[in-house]
Amino acid sequence: MDFMLEEELFDLMEFCLKSPDSPEAGEKKGRITEIGRELFDDGGADALVNFFFALKNRLVEETGKNPDVFRPLWNGLTEEWKY
């Protein structure tokens, strides 16, 4: 499951980074938030940190774009995640 969620998150973030003004971007950001909730429910704040770290490294390497703008989408899931 983790691999599938990682791939989905990568695709969603990559799309939003490449097409931030797309009408689909809002829906995709909503799904990023939902996945964060699933990750948190399954593994707590550590899961959020680990997933984001892996995704950030991969996105920066493969696209040259930094996904830090998506960190606030997971705010409110836990007091440990504040961006």
Protein backbone atom coordinates (compact mmCIF):
# COMPACT_ATOMS: atom_id res chain seq x y z
CA MET A 1 0.00 0.00 0.00
CA ASP A 2 2.78 2.43 0.87
CA PHE A 3 4.34 2.08 -2.56
CA MET A 4 1.03 2.78 -4.29
CA LEU A 5 0.39 5.84 -2.12
CA GLU A 6 3.91 7.10 -2.74
CA GLU A 7 3.43 6.78 -6.49
CA GLU A 8 0.06 8.49 -6.36
CA LEU A 9 1.46 11.33 -4.24
CA PHE A 10 4.39 11.71 -6.60
CA ASP A 11 2.08 11.96 -9.60
CA LEU A 12 -0.24 14.44 -7.86
CA MET A 13 2.57 16.67 -6.66
CA GLU A 14 4.38 16.51 -9.98
CA PHE A 15 1.22 17.56 -11.80
CA CYS A 16 0.58 20.47 -9.42
CA LEU A 17 4.20 21.63 -9.64
CA LYS A 18 4.18 21.54 -13.43
CA SER A 19 0.65 22.94 -13.87
CA PRO A 20 -0.14 25.09 -10.82
CA ASP A 21 -2.80 27.09 -12.66
CA SER A 22 -4.65 24.07 -14.02
CA PRO A 23 -8.33 23.77 -13.10
CA GLU A 24 -7.50 20.23 -11.90
CA ALA A 25 -4.88 21.41 -9.39
CA GLY A 26 -7.42 22.06 -6.62
CA GLU A 27 -8.84 18.56 -6.87
CA LYS A 28 -5.37 17.05 -6.88
CA LYS A 29 -4.36 19.07 -3.80
CA GLY A 30 -7.48 17.76 -2.09
CA ARG A 31 -6.35 14.22 -2.80
CA ILE A 32 -2.87 15.05 -1.42
CA THR A 33 -4.60 16.10 1.81
CA GLU A 34 -6.66 12.89 1.89
CA ILE A 35 -3.57 10.75 1.43
CA GLY A 36 -1.86 12.62 4.25
CA ARG A 37 -4.81 11.77 6.49
CA GLU A 38 -4.53 8.09 5.49
CA LEU A 39 -0.79 8.09 6.16
CA PHE A 40 -1.24 9.75 9.54
CA ASP A 41 -4.02 7.35 10.55
CA ASP A 42 -1.80 4.41 9.59
CA GLY A 43 1.60 5.55 10.89
CA GLY A 44 1.33 8.84 12.76
CA ALA A 45 3.49 11.90 12.28
CA ASP A 46 6.53 9.74 11.49
CA ALA A 47 4.78 8.44 8.39
CA LEU A 48 4.14 12.00 7.20
CA VAL A 49 7.77 12.98 7.76
CA ASN A 50 9.16 9.87 6.07
CA PHE A 51 6.86 10.05 3.06
CA PHE A 52 7.45 13.73 2.50
CA PHE A 53 11.22 13.32 2.82
CA ALA A 54 11.26 10.53 0.23
CA LEU A 55 8.93 12.38 -2.13
CA LYS A 56 10.85 15.63 -1.85
CA ASN A 57 14.13 13.94 -2.71
CA ARG A 58 12.59 12.16 -5.66
CA LEU A 59 10.72 15.19 -7.00
CA VAL A 60 13.74 17.47 -6.74
CA GLU A 61 15.92 14.87 -8.45
CA GLU A 62 13.49 13.97 -11.23
CA THR A 63 11.81 17.32 -11.89
CA GLY A 64 14.07 19.94 -10.36
CA LYS A 65 11.07 21.33 -8.46
CA ASN A 66 10.71 21.58 -4.68
CA PRO A 67 7.40 20.28 -3.25
CA ASP A 68 7.62 22.18 0.06
CA VAL A 69 4.60 24.26 -0.99
CA PHE A 70 2.46 21.17 -0.31
CA ARG A 71 3.54 20.70 3.33
CA PRO A 72 0.75 22.98 4.66
CA LEU A 73 -1.84 20.66 3.08
CA TRP A 74 -1.17 18.26 5.96
CA ASN A 75 -1.42 20.91 8.68
CA GLY A 76 -4.10 20.15 11.22
CA LEU A 77 -3.59 16.39 11.16
CA THR A 78 -1.33 16.56 14.21
CA GLU A 79 0.33 19.17 16.39
CA GLU A 80 3.68 17.70 15.30
CA TRP A 81 3.19 18.81 11.68
CA LYS A 82 3.18 22.61 11.43
CA TYR A 83 4.17 24.26 8.17
